C-alpha atoms as a PDB file:
ATOM      1  CA  MET A   1     -13.575 -17.254  17.185  1.00  0.00           C
ATOM      2  CA  ILE A   2     -10.458 -15.242  15.774  1.00  0.00           C
ATOM      3  CA  THR A   3      -7.135 -15.445  17.023  1.00  0.00           C
ATOM      4  CA  ARG A   4      -4.722 -13.435  16.638  1.00  0.00           C
ATOM      5  CA  SER A   5      -0.988 -14.863  16.120  1.00  0.00           C
ATOM      6  CA  ASP A   6       2.289 -12.262  15.916  1.00  0.00           C
ATOM      7  CA  ASP A   7       5.141 -14.562  14.119  1.00  0.00           C
ATOM      8  CA  ALA A   8       7.828 -12.173  14.690  1.00  0.00           C
ATOM      9  CA  PRO A   9       8.500  -9.203  17.079  1.00  0.00           C
ATOM     10  CA  ALA A  10       7.485  -5.661  16.677  1.00  0.00           C
ATOM     11  CA  VAL A  11       9.916  -4.101  14.661  1.00  0.00           C
ATOM     12  CA  ASP A  12      11.310  -0.422  15.474  1.00  0.00           C
ATOM     13  CA  TRP A  13      11.729   0.606  11.605  1.00  0.00           C
ATOM     14  CA  PHE A  14      13.440   4.202  12.015  1.00  0.00           C
ATOM     15  CA  HIS A  15      15.981   2.271  14.333  1.00  0.00           C
ATOM     16  CA  ASP A  16      17.041  -0.631  11.842  1.00  0.00           C
ATOM     17  CA  ALA A  17      20.030  -0.264  10.005  1.00  0.00           C
ATOM     18  CA  ASP A  18      18.698  -0.693   6.798  1.00  0.00           C
ATOM     19  CA  VAL A  19      16.054   1.919   7.500  1.00  0.00           C
ATOM     20  CA  VAL A  20      18.624   4.655   8.500  1.00  0.00           C
ATOM     21  CA  GLU A  21      20.856   3.790   5.744  1.00  0.00           C
ATOM     22  CA  ASP A  22      17.082   4.098   3.429  1.00  0.00           C
ATOM     23  CA  ILE A  23      16.999   7.498   4.411  1.00  0.00           C
ATOM     24  CA  ARG A  24      20.492   8.254   4.219  1.00  0.00           C
ATOM     25  CA  ARG A  25      21.121   6.957   0.530  1.00  0.00           C
ATOM     26  CA  TYR A  26      17.389   8.542  -0.317  1.00  0.00           C
ATOM     27  CA  LEU A  27      18.169  12.268   0.867  1.00  0.00           C
ATOM     28  CA  SER A  28      21.808  12.178  -1.249  1.00  0.00           C
ATOM     29  CA  LEU A  29      20.009  11.647  -4.473  1.00  0.00           C
ATOM     30  CA  THR A  30      18.974  14.468  -6.950  1.00  0.00           C
ATOM     31  CA  PRO A  31      16.046  14.828  -6.812  1.00  0.00           C
ATOM     32  CA  ARG A  32      16.439  14.133  -2.808  1.00  0.00           C
ATOM     33  CA  GLN A  33      13.714  11.885  -1.810  1.00  0.00           C
ATOM     34  CA  LEU A  34      12.260   9.852   0.904  1.00  0.00           C
ATOM     35  CA  PRO A  35      10.680   6.517   0.345  1.00  0.00           C
ATOM     36  CA  SER A  36       6.764   6.553   0.655  1.00  0.00           C
ATOM     37  CA  ARG A  37       6.930   3.103   2.784  1.00  0.00           C
ATOM     38  CA  TYR A  38       8.153   5.809   5.456  1.00  0.00           C
ATOM     39  CA  LEU A  39       4.990   7.719   5.501  1.00  0.00           C
ATOM     40  CA  TYR A  40       2.417   4.997   7.231  1.00  0.00           C
ATOM     41  CA  ASP A  41       3.562   5.816  11.105  1.00  0.00           C
ATOM     42  CA  ALA A  42       0.103   5.267  13.294  1.00  0.00           C
ATOM     43  CA  LEU A  43      -0.542   9.308  12.729  1.00  0.00           C
ATOM     44  CA  GLY A  44       0.415   8.649   8.820  1.00  0.00           C
ATOM     45  CA  SER A  45      -2.048   5.960   8.782  1.00  0.00           C
ATOM     46  CA  ALA A  46      -4.797   7.795  10.394  1.00  0.00           C
ATOM     47  CA  LEU A  47      -4.353  10.424   8.050  1.00  0.00           C
ATOM     48  CA  PHE A  48      -4.659   7.947   4.769  1.00  0.00           C
ATOM     49  CA  GLU A  49      -7.634   6.495   6.228  1.00  0.00           C
ATOM     50  CA  SER A  50      -9.124   9.693   6.741  1.00  0.00           C
ATOM     51  CA  ILE A  51      -8.067  10.752   2.863  1.00  0.00           C
ATOM     52  CA  CYS A  52     -10.117   7.510   1.676  1.00  0.00           C
ATOM     53  CA  GLU A  53     -13.262   9.775   2.912  1.00  0.00           C
ATOM     54  CA  LEU A  54     -12.141  12.301   1.240  1.00  0.00           C
ATOM     55  CA  PRO A  55     -14.941  13.251  -1.681  1.00  0.00           C
ATOM     56  CA  TRP A  56     -12.326  13.952  -3.961  1.00  0.00           C
ATOM     57  CA  TYR A  57     -10.374  10.663  -3.916  1.00  0.00           C
ATOM     58  CA  GLY A  58     -12.812   7.742  -5.244  1.00  0.00           C
ATOM     59  CA  VAL A  59     -10.561   4.664  -4.971  1.00  0.00           C
ATOM     60  CA  ALA A  60     -11.583   3.388  -1.502  1.00  0.00           C
ATOM     61  CA  ARG A  61     -15.261   3.758  -2.569  1.00  0.00           C
ATOM     62  CA  ALA A  62     -14.785   3.011  -6.003  1.00  0.00           C
ATOM     63  CA  GLU A  63     -12.799  -0.774  -4.548  1.00  0.00           C
ATOM     64  CA  ALA A  64     -15.667  -0.825  -1.892  1.00  0.00           C
ATOM     65  CA  ARG A  65     -18.569  -0.695  -4.788  1.00  0.00           C
ATOM     66  CA  LEU A  66     -16.489  -3.688  -7.096  1.00  0.00           C
ATOM     67  CA  LEU A  67     -15.950  -6.417  -3.724  1.00  0.00           C
ATOM     68  CA  THR A  68     -19.549  -5.315  -2.728  1.00  0.00           C
ATOM     69  CA  ALA A  69     -20.518  -6.622  -6.154  1.00  0.00           C
ATOM     70  CA  HIS A  70     -18.049  -9.260  -6.967  1.00  0.00           C
ATOM     71  CA  ARG A  71     -17.245 -10.724  -3.646  1.00  0.00           C
ATOM     72  CA  HIS A  72     -19.391 -13.991  -4.575  1.00  0.00           C
ATOM     73  CA  ASP A  73     -18.134 -14.841  -7.613  1.00  0.00           C
ATOM     74  CA  VAL A  74     -14.601 -14.342  -6.641  1.00  0.00           C
ATOM     75  CA  PHE A  75     -15.333 -17.301  -3.592  1.00  0.00           C
ATOM     76  CA  ALA A  76     -17.148 -19.177  -6.283  1.00  0.00           C
ATOM     77  CA  ARG A  77     -14.245 -19.068  -8.740  1.00  0.00           C
ATOM     78  CA  LEU A  78     -11.680 -20.651  -6.036  1.00  0.00           C
ATOM     79  CA  PRO A  79     -13.042 -23.663  -4.612  1.00  0.00           C
ATOM     80  CA  GLY A  80     -10.744 -25.197  -2.264  1.00  0.00           C
ATOM     81  CA  LEU A  81      -9.605 -22.004  -0.878  1.00  0.00           C
ATOM     82  CA  THR A  82      -8.301 -21.643   2.590  1.00  0.00           C
ATOM     83  CA  THR A  83      -6.006 -19.000   2.699  1.00  0.00           C
ATOM     84  CA  ILE A  84      -5.814 -15.523   2.207  1.00  0.00           C
ATOM     85  CA  VAL A  85      -2.708 -12.988   2.234  1.00  0.00           C
ATOM     86  CA  GLU A  86      -2.816  -9.259   2.286  1.00  0.00           C
ATOM     87  CA  LEU A  87      -0.156  -7.101   1.197  1.00  0.00           C
ATOM     88  CA  GLY A  88      -1.154  -3.766   2.930  1.00  0.00           C
ATOM     89  CA  PRO A  89      -4.812  -3.910   4.718  1.00  0.00           C
ATOM     90  CA  GLY A  90      -4.746  -0.772   6.353  1.00  0.00           C
ATOM     91  CA  ASN A  91      -7.540  -0.691   8.451  1.00  0.00           C
ATOM     92  CA  GLY A  92      -9.104  -4.375   7.215  1.00  0.00           C
ATOM     93  CA  ARG A  93     -12.240  -2.951   5.746  1.00  0.00           C
ATOM     94  CA  LYS A  94     -11.559  -4.433   2.564  1.00  0.00           C
ATOM     95  CA  LEU A  95     -10.751  -7.872   3.577  1.00  0.00           C
ATOM     96  CA  ARG A  96     -13.746  -7.833   5.644  1.00  0.00           C
ATOM     97  CA  MET A  97     -15.917  -7.277   2.559  1.00  0.00           C
ATOM     98  CA  LEU A  98     -14.622  -9.462   0.801  1.00  0.00           C
ATOM     99  CA  LEU A  99     -15.183 -12.327   3.674  1.00  0.00           C
ATOM    100  CA  ASP A 100     -18.708 -11.304   3.587  1.00  0.00           C
ATOM    101  CA  GLY A 101     -19.100 -13.088   0.284  1.00  0.00           C
ATOM    102  CA  ARG A 102     -17.695 -16.695   1.730  1.00  0.00           C
ATOM    103  CA  PRO A 103     -19.201 -19.923   2.000  1.00  0.00           C
ATOM    104  CA  ARG A 104     -21.098 -20.160   5.216  1.00  0.00           C
ATOM    105  CA  ALA A 105     -19.397 -22.621   6.533  1.00  0.00           C
ATOM    106  CA  ALA A 106     -15.639 -21.627   5.344  1.00  0.00           C
ATOM    107  CA  THR A 107     -13.045 -21.914   7.465  1.00  0.00           C
ATOM    108  CA  LEU A 108      -9.876 -19.389   6.487  1.00  0.00           C
ATOM    109  CA  THR A 109      -6.536 -18.320   7.405  1.00  0.00           C
ATOM    110  CA  ALA A 110      -5.616 -14.628   6.527  1.00  0.00           C
ATOM    111  CA  HIS A 111      -1.989 -13.499   6.745  1.00  0.00           C
ATOM    112  CA  LEU A 112      -1.781  -9.624   6.772  1.00  0.00           C
ATOM    113  CA  VAL A 113       1.459  -7.897   6.036  1.00  0.00           C
ATOM    114  CA  ASP A 114       2.106  -4.245   6.550  1.00  0.00           C
ATOM    115  CA  VAL A 115       4.992  -2.118   7.800  1.00  0.00           C
ATOM    116  CA  SER A 116       2.705  -0.461  10.156  1.00  0.00           C
ATOM    117  CA  ALA A 117       1.977  -1.718  13.772  1.00  0.00           C
ATOM    118  CA  ALA A 118      -0.905   0.642  13.990  1.00  0.00           C
ATOM    119  CA  ALA A 119      -2.437  -0.745  10.499  1.00  0.00           C
ATOM    120  CA  LEU A 120      -2.149  -4.210  10.945  1.00  0.00           C
ATOM    121  CA  GLY A 121      -3.611  -3.623  14.809  1.00  0.00           C
ATOM    122  CA  ALA A 122      -6.340  -1.856  13.202  1.00  0.00           C
ATOM    123  CA  ALA A 123      -7.120  -4.536  10.704  1.00  0.00           C
ATOM    124  CA  THR A 124      -7.106  -7.183  13.140  1.00  0.00           C
ATOM    125  CA  GLN A 125      -9.716  -5.412  15.495  1.00  0.00           C
ATOM    126  CA  THR A 126     -11.685  -4.709  12.132  1.00  0.00           C
ATOM    127  CA  LEU A 127     -11.851  -8.559  11.694  1.00  0.00           C
ATOM    128  CA  SER A 128     -12.178  -9.673  15.650  1.00  0.00           C
ATOM    129  CA  ASP A 129     -16.089 -10.941  15.705  1.00  0.00           C
ATOM    130  CA  LEU A 130     -15.867 -13.219  12.240  1.00  0.00           C
ATOM    131  CA  ASP A 131     -15.776 -17.110  13.333  1.00  0.00           C
ATOM    132  CA  ASN A 132     -13.690 -19.737  11.791  1.00  0.00           C
ATOM    133  CA  LEU A 133     -11.036 -16.905  10.592  1.00  0.00           C
ATOM    134  CA  THR A 134      -7.634 -17.370  12.550  1.00  0.00           C
ATOM    135  CA  VAL A 135      -5.343 -13.834  11.677  1.00  0.00           C
ATOM    136  CA  VAL A 136      -1.745 -13.965  11.366  1.00  0.00           C
ATOM    137  CA  THR A 137       0.108 -10.539  11.104  1.00  0.00           C
ATOM    138  CA  HIS A 138       3.543  -9.813   9.823  1.00  0.00           C
ATOM    139  CA  GLU A 139       4.955  -6.813  10.860  1.00  0.00           C
ATOM    140  CA  ALA A 140       7.807  -6.225   7.524  1.00  0.00           C
ATOM    141  CA  PRO A 141       7.777  -5.016   3.705  1.00  0.00           C
ATOM    142  CA  PHE A 142       5.944  -7.153   1.285  1.00  0.00           C
ATOM    143  CA  GLU A 143       8.504  -9.192   0.293  1.00  0.00           C
ATOM    144  CA  ALA A 144       9.984 -10.066   3.842  1.00  0.00           C
ATOM    145  CA  GLY A 145       6.421 -11.128   4.788  1.00  0.00           C
ATOM    146  CA  LEU A 146       5.636 -12.628   1.840  1.00  0.00           C
ATOM    147  CA  ASP A 147       8.876 -14.747   2.905  1.00  0.00           C
ATOM    148  CA  GLU A 148       7.192 -15.595   6.425  1.00  0.00           C
ATOM    149  CA  PHE A 149       3.928 -16.669   4.570  1.00  0.00           C
ATOM    150  CA  GLN A 150       6.009 -19.239   2.335  1.00  0.00           C
ATOM    151  CA  ARG A 151       7.862 -20.595   5.618  1.00  0.00           C
ATOM    152  CA  VAL A 152       4.391 -21.136   7.898  1.00  0.00           C
ATOM    153  CA  ARG A 153       1.882 -21.565   4.697  1.00  0.00           C
ATOM    154  CA  LEU A 154      -0.500 -24.900   4.940  1.00  0.00           C
ATOM    155  CA  ALA A 155       0.471 -27.455   2.509  1.00  0.00           C
ATOM    156  CA  ASP A 156      -3.200 -28.322   1.220  1.00  0.00           C
ATOM    157  CA  GLY A 157      -5.580 -25.801   0.218  1.00  0.00           C
ATOM    158  CA  ARG A 158      -5.310 -23.198  -2.655  1.00  0.00           C
ATOM    159  CA  THR A 159      -4.056 -19.331  -1.621  1.00  0.00           C
ATOM    160  CA  LEU A 160      -5.648 -15.960  -2.575  1.00  0.00           C
ATOM    161  CA  VAL A 161      -3.398 -13.057  -2.396  1.00  0.00           C
ATOM    162  CA  LEU A 162      -5.023  -9.341  -2.217  1.00  0.00           C
ATOM    163  CA  PHE A 163      -2.759  -6.446  -3.393  1.00  0.00           C
ATOM    164  CA  LEU A 164      -5.928  -3.599  -3.123  1.00  0.00           C
ATOM    165  CA  GLY A 165      -5.921   0.206  -2.767  1.00  0.00           C
ATOM    166  CA  SER A 166      -4.117   0.632  -5.632  1.00  0.00           C
ATOM    167  CA  ASN A 167      -0.703   0.128  -3.860  1.00  0.00           C
ATOM    168  CA  ILE A 168       0.288  -1.374  -7.159  1.00  0.00           C
ATOM    169  CA  GLY A 169       0.736   2.209  -8.210  1.00  0.00           C
ATOM    170  CA  ASN A 170       3.180   2.700  -5.661  1.00  0.00           C
ATOM    171  CA  PHE A 171       6.318   0.727  -7.270  1.00  0.00           C
ATOM    172  CA  ASP A 172       7.699   1.942 -10.821  1.00  0.00           C
ATOM    173  CA  PRO A 173       7.509  -0.272 -13.398  1.00  0.00           C
ATOM    174  CA  PRO A 174      10.495  -2.374 -12.635  1.00  0.00           C
ATOM    175  CA  ALA A 175      10.163  -2.552  -9.033  1.00  0.00           C
ATOM    176  CA  SER A 176       6.223  -3.249  -9.816  1.00  0.00           C
ATOM    177  CA  ALA A 177       7.353  -6.071 -12.046  1.00  0.00           C
ATOM    178  CA  GLU A 178      10.004  -7.133  -9.144  1.00  0.00           C
ATOM    179  CA  LEU A 179       7.006  -7.442  -6.244  1.00  0.00           C
ATOM    180  CA  LEU A 180       4.885  -9.268  -8.651  1.00  0.00           C
ATOM    181  CA  GLY A 181       7.314 -11.356  -9.446  1.00  0.00           C
ATOM    182  CA  SER A 182       8.235 -12.339  -5.415  1.00  0.00           C
ATOM    183  CA  ILE A 183       3.857 -12.563  -5.254  1.00  0.00           C
ATOM    184  CA  ARG A 184       3.986 -14.981  -7.724  1.00  0.00           C
ATOM    185  CA  SER A 185       7.353 -17.241  -6.101  1.00  0.00           C
ATOM    186  CA  ALA A 186       4.799 -17.269  -2.671  1.00  0.00           C
ATOM    187  CA  MET A 187       2.161 -18.831  -4.551  1.00  0.00           C
ATOM    188  CA  ALA A 188       1.515 -22.391  -6.181  1.00  0.00           C
ATOM    189  CA  PRO A 189       0.034 -23.133  -9.386  1.00  0.00           C
ATOM    190  CA  ARG A 190      -3.801 -22.185  -9.032  1.00  0.00           C
ATOM    191  CA  ASP A 191      -3.178 -20.113  -6.382  1.00  0.00           C
ATOM    192  CA  ALA A 192      -5.038 -16.385  -7.190  1.00  0.00           C
ATOM    193  CA  LEU A 193      -4.374 -13.096  -7.205  1.00  0.00           C
ATOM    194  CA  LEU A 194      -6.689 -10.281  -6.487  1.00  0.00           C
ATOM    195  CA  LEU A 195      -5.155  -6.819  -7.710  1.00  0.00           C
ATOM    196  CA  GLY A 196      -7.067  -3.235  -7.552  1.00  0.00           C
ATOM    197  CA  ALA A 197      -5.707  -0.260  -9.952  1.00  0.00           C
ATOM    198  CA  ASP A 198      -6.657   2.938 -10.185  1.00  0.00           C
ATOM    199  CA  LEU A 199      -6.994   4.173 -14.055  1.00  0.00           C
ATOM    200  CA  VAL A 200      -5.957   7.077 -15.834  1.00  0.00           C
ATOM    201  CA  LYS A 201      -8.147   9.987 -15.023  1.00  0.00           C
ATOM    202  CA  PRO A 202      -8.604  13.291 -15.943  1.00  0.00           C
ATOM    203  CA  GLU A 203      -5.652  15.636 -14.466  1.00  0.00           C
ATOM    204  CA  ARG A 204      -8.084  17.964 -12.619  1.00  0.00           C
ATOM    205  CA  ASP A 205      -9.324  14.913 -10.910  1.00  0.00           C
ATOM    206  CA  LEU A 206      -6.045  13.553 -10.091  1.00  0.00           C
ATOM    207  CA  LEU A 207      -4.839  16.914  -8.520  1.00  0.00           C
ATOM    208  CA  LEU A 208      -7.789  17.395  -6.424  1.00  0.00           C
ATOM    209  CA  ALA A 209      -7.687  13.815  -5.216  1.00  0.00           C
ATOM    210  CA  TYR A 210      -3.650  14.470  -4.340  1.00  0.00           C
ATOM    211  CA  ASP A 211      -3.849  17.991  -3.190  1.00  0.00           C
ATOM    212  CA  ASP A 212      -7.421  18.642  -1.633  1.00  0.00           C
ATOM    213  CA  PRO A 213      -8.950  21.594  -0.627  1.00  0.00           C
ATOM    214  CA  LEU A 214      -8.707  20.379   3.362  1.00  0.00           C
ATOM    215  CA  GLY A 215      -5.550  20.194   3.226  1.00  0.00           C
ATOM    216  CA  VAL A 216      -5.460  16.043   4.641  1.00  0.00           C
ATOM    217  CA  SER A 217      -3.105  15.297   1.917  1.00  0.00           C
ATOM    218  CA  ALA A 218      -0.667  17.739   2.523  1.00  0.00           C
ATOM    219  CA  ALA A 219      -0.984  16.828   6.337  1.00  0.00           C
ATOM    220  CA  PHE A 220      -0.230  13.370   5.570  1.00  0.00           C
ATOM    221  CA  ASN A 221       2.805  14.152   3.417  1.00  0.00           C
ATOM    222  CA  ARG A 222       4.541  16.933   5.680  1.00  0.00           C
ATOM    223  CA  ASN A 223       3.733  14.088   8.959  1.00  0.00           C
ATOM    224  CA  MET A 224       6.797  12.343   7.136  1.00  0.00           C
ATOM    225  CA  LEU A 225       9.189  15.447   8.296  1.00  0.00           C
ATOM    226  CA  VAL A 226       7.710  15.012  11.809  1.00  0.00           C
ATOM    227  CA  ARG A 227       8.393  11.248  11.940  1.00  0.00           C
ATOM    228  CA  ILE A 228      11.873  11.761  10.831  1.00  0.00           C
ATOM    229  CA  ASN A 229      12.598  14.286  13.700  1.00  0.00           C
ATOM    230  CA  ARG A 230      10.643  12.585  16.099  1.00  0.00           C
ATOM    231  CA  GLU A 231      12.387   8.945  15.348  1.00  0.00           C
ATOM    232  CA  LEU A 232      15.815  10.235  14.078  1.00  0.00           C
ATOM    233  CA  GLY A 233      16.502  13.352  15.736  1.00  0.00           C
ATOM    234  CA  GLY A 234      15.950  15.545  13.221  1.00  0.00           C
ATOM    235  CA  ASN A 235      15.011  19.360  13.324  1.00  0.00           C
ATOM    236  CA  PHE A 236      12.670  19.866   9.798  1.00  0.00           C
ATOM    237  CA  ASP A 237      11.355  23.324  10.324  1.00  0.00           C
ATOM    238  CA  VAL A 238       7.762  21.147   8.839  1.00  0.00           C
ATOM    239  CA  THR A 239       6.302  24.802   8.589  1.00  0.00           C
ATOM    240  CA  ALA A 240       8.572  25.941   5.944  1.00  0.00           C
ATOM    241  CA  PHE A 241       7.605  23.223   3.931  1.00  0.00           C
ATOM    242  CA  ARG A 242       4.644  23.297   1.045  1.00  0.00           C
ATOM    243  CA  HIS A 243       2.758  20.356  -0.575  1.00  0.00           C
ATOM    244  CA  ARG A 244       2.985  19.784  -3.974  1.00  0.00           C
ATOM    245  CA  ALA A 245       1.361  17.127  -6.192  1.00  0.00           C
ATOM    246  CA  VAL A 246       1.818  17.169  -9.815  1.00  0.00           C
ATOM    247  CA  TRP A 247       0.444  15.133 -12.727  1.00  0.00           C
ATOM    248  CA  ASN A 248       3.559  13.866 -14.734  1.00  0.00           C
ATOM    249  CA  ALA A 249       1.381  12.271 -18.164  1.00  0.00           C
ATOM    250  CA  ALA A 250       4.290  11.222 -20.037  1.00  0.00           C
ATOM    251  CA  LEU A 251       4.724   8.724 -17.259  1.00  0.00           C
ATOM    252  CA  SER A 252       1.363   8.185 -16.314  1.00  0.00           C
ATOM    253  CA  ARG A 253       2.156   8.776 -12.137  1.00  0.00           C
ATOM    254  CA  MET A 254       1.071  11.799  -9.867  1.00  0.00           C
ATOM    255  CA  GLU A 255       3.806  12.783  -8.150  1.00  0.00           C
ATOM    256  CA  MET A 256       4.463  14.172  -4.395  1.00  0.00           C
ATOM    257  CA  TYR A 257       6.831  16.407  -3.295  1.00  0.00           C
ATOM    258  CA  LEU A 258       7.786  18.370  -0.297  1.00  0.00           C
ATOM    259  CA  VAL A 259       8.959  22.005  -1.089  1.00  0.00           C
ATOM    260  CA  ALA A 260      10.970  24.043   1.023  1.00  0.00           C
ATOM    261  CA  THR A 261       9.943  27.592   0.944  1.00  0.00           C
ATOM    262  CA  GLY A 262      12.924  28.643   2.147  1.00  0.00           C
ATOM    263  CA  ASN A 263      16.600  28.279   2.969  1.00  0.00           C
ATOM    264  CA  GLN A 264      17.203  25.906   5.640  1.00  0.00           C
ATOM    265  CA  ARG A 265      19.923  23.261   7.119  1.00  0.00           C
ATOM    266  CA  VAL A 266      18.835  20.106   8.872  1.00  0.00           C
ATOM    267  CA  ARG A 267      20.440  18.314  11.036  1.00  0.00           C
ATOM    268  CA  ILE A 268      19.338  14.512  11.291  1.00  0.00           C
ATOM    269  CA  ASP A 269      21.343  13.155  14.048  1.00  0.00           C
ATOM    270  CA  ALA A 270      20.822   9.483  13.954  1.00  0.00           C
ATOM    271  CA  ILE A 271      21.977   9.122  10.754  1.00  0.00           C
ATOM    272  CA  ASP A 272      24.751  11.713  11.248  1.00  0.00           C
ATOM    273  CA  VAL A 273      23.927  14.076   8.111  1.00  0.00           C
ATOM    274  CA  ASP A 274      23.314  17.345   7.722  1.00  0.00           C
ATOM    275  CA  VAL A 275      21.207  18.643   4.713  1.00  0.00           C
ATOM    276  CA  ASP A 276      20.998  21.940   3.264  1.00  0.00           C
ATOM    277  CA  LEU A 277      17.627  22.769   1.308  1.00  0.00           C
ATOM    278  CA  ALA A 278      17.388  25.735  -0.970  1.00  0.00           C
ATOM    279  CA  ALA A 279      14.508  27.848  -1.065  1.00  0.00           C
ATOM    280  CA  GLY A 280      12.397  26.031  -3.503  1.00  0.00           C
ATOM    281  CA  GLU A 281      14.184  22.969  -3.446  1.00  0.00           C
ATOM    282  CA  ALA A 282      11.898  19.722  -3.239  1.00  0.00           C
ATOM    283  CA  ILE A 283      12.194  16.410  -1.478  1.00  0.00           C
ATOM    284  CA  TRP A 284      10.065  13.702  -3.700  1.00  0.00           C
ATOM    285  CA  THR A 285       8.006  11.878  -1.221  1.00  0.00           C
ATOM    286  CA  GLU A 286       5.538   9.420  -3.774  1.00  0.00           C
ATOM    287  CA  SER A 287       4.721   8.709  -6.909  1.00  0.00           C
ATOM    288  CA  SER A 288       1.376   7.085  -7.941  1.00  0.00           C
ATOM    289  CA  TYR A 289       1.090   5.403 -11.370  1.00  0.00           C
ATOM    290  CA  LYS A 290      -2.237   4.793 -12.986  1.00  0.00           C
ATOM    291  CA  TYR A 291      -2.958   2.411 -15.711  1.00  0.00           C
ATOM    292  CA  GLU A 292      -5.133   1.662 -18.408  1.00  0.00           C
ATOM    293  CA  PRO A 293      -7.231  -1.712 -18.151  1.00  0.00           C
ATOM    294  CA  ALA A 294      -5.225  -3.876 -20.546  1.00  0.00           C
ATOM    295  CA  ALA A 295      -1.792  -2.431 -19.308  1.00  0.00           C
ATOM    296  CA  ILE A 296      -2.402  -4.253 -15.780  1.00  0.00           C
ATOM    297  CA  VAL A 297      -3.448  -7.212 -17.145  1.00  0.00           C
ATOM    298  CA  SER A 298      -0.095  -6.896 -19.317  1.00  0.00           C
ATOM    299  CA  LEU A 299       1.951  -6.512 -16.568  1.00  0.00           C
ATOM    300  CA  VAL A 300       0.910  -9.028 -14.259  1.00  0.00           C
ATOM    301  CA  GLU A 301       0.317 -11.737 -16.456  1.00  0.00           C
ATOM    302  CA  GLY A 302       4.103 -10.942 -17.473  1.00  0.00           C
ATOM    303  CA  ALA A 303       4.392 -12.001 -13.625  1.00  0.00           C
ATOM    304  CA  GLY A 304       3.603 -15.611 -14.475  1.00  0.00           C
ATOM    305  CA  PHE A 305       0.009 -15.422 -14.343  1.00  0.00           C
ATOM    306  CA  ARG A 306      -3.437 -15.312 -16.562  1.00  0.00           C
ATOM    307  CA  LYS A 307      -6.500 -12.986 -15.949  1.00  0.00           C
ATOM    308  CA  THR A 308      -9.760 -15.073 -15.015  1.00  0.00           C
ATOM    309  CA  CYS A 309     -11.612 -11.608 -15.202  1.00  0.00           C
ATOM    310  CA  GLN A 310     -11.631  -7.992 -14.608  1.00  0.00           C
ATOM    311  CA  TRP A 311     -14.200  -5.816 -12.956  1.00  0.00           C
ATOM    312  CA  LEU A 312     -14.248  -1.832 -13.640  1.00  0.00           C
ATOM    313  CA  ASP A 313     -15.915   0.914 -11.807  1.00  0.00           C
ATOM    314  CA  LYS A 314     -16.520   3.753 -14.122  1.00  0.00           C
ATOM    315  CA  ALA A 315     -17.941   6.180 -12.067  1.00  0.00           C
ATOM    316  CA  ASP A 316     -14.487   6.438 -10.424  1.00  0.00           C
ATOM    317  CA  PRO A 317     -12.058   4.363 -12.624  1.00  0.00           C
ATOM    318  CA  LEU A 318     -10.426   1.600 -11.235  1.00  0.00           C
ATOM    319  CA  THR A 319      -9.848  -2.300 -11.703  1.00  0.00           C
ATOM    320  CA  LEU A 320     -10.420  -5.240 -10.052  1.00  0.00           C
ATOM    321  CA  THR A 321      -8.875  -7.882 -11.856  1.00  0.00           C
ATOM    322  CA  LEU A 322      -8.545 -11.851 -10.329  1.00  0.00           C
ATOM    323  CA  PHE A 323      -5.179 -13.693 -12.015  1.00  0.00           C
ATOM    324  CA  GLU A 324      -4.086 -17.060 -11.493  1.00  0.00           C
ATOM    325  CA  ALA A 325      -1.203 -18.067 -10.899  1.00  0.00           C
ATOM    326  CA  LEU A 326       0.588 -20.389 -13.766  1.00  0.00           C
END
């Protein structure tokens, strides 16, 4: 039987004072920016799940192959495991795949951390028929969710933190190091981290993955403006922006932008801001860093872990790496 426990009330992120200030500050930067975490309202989460089904975006399929092939090995390497914490669970399918490899009699508690209430609801539903599993949801940014987990974690047993879907790529190097430090601080020695990281690929393949022929990635990106209009009283003309994806080889990252196709003056009532956009001006909405296998090991070990093992999918280059907390 599965039970669900929400230990914090749902948060309306776009009417939270910190979020409002976040939007104001990022739009004042040069170039203007909008944090990628705000892409994930209910519609944004649904669009991202659609992106994962596209033939040009292989991250989800590669990770599913690795999880399916190595899930029994993960549990065999973690005797005494009682708790799983997943940062950014999406629709819960990745955790479901992993749990299919657990020992038959294992009883586990899964803490799911995400800013999207829709994602948490979908993940909880995906896991709802599993026996011997308790699900606790934390509608919060990763760091805040980890803090909540620390306050309620079990005294006994080992914890496995899952950070999959190549979500580590959405953080620049300083921010990724800081987040990994927060993850390590929430863990005890011999706890474990299972990390999925997308690898460097040919530029053509990356551009197709982030600017697909069906326009799903473009809709996902533009939905940021739809959300601001709906929740912050903005008046962006969504049709007057085009989606642009760029491979920045020097920094090993994909970049997504919303580019104004004409001059536009935008009013956002909730943050009392007017934004004047010139034709061709871009708003930077997301970066997705790509790694080499050795680089991801070096990054994580620098935060107080050591590599246990690393698996590679060659069809859609991606690594799944298991680390132990020191």
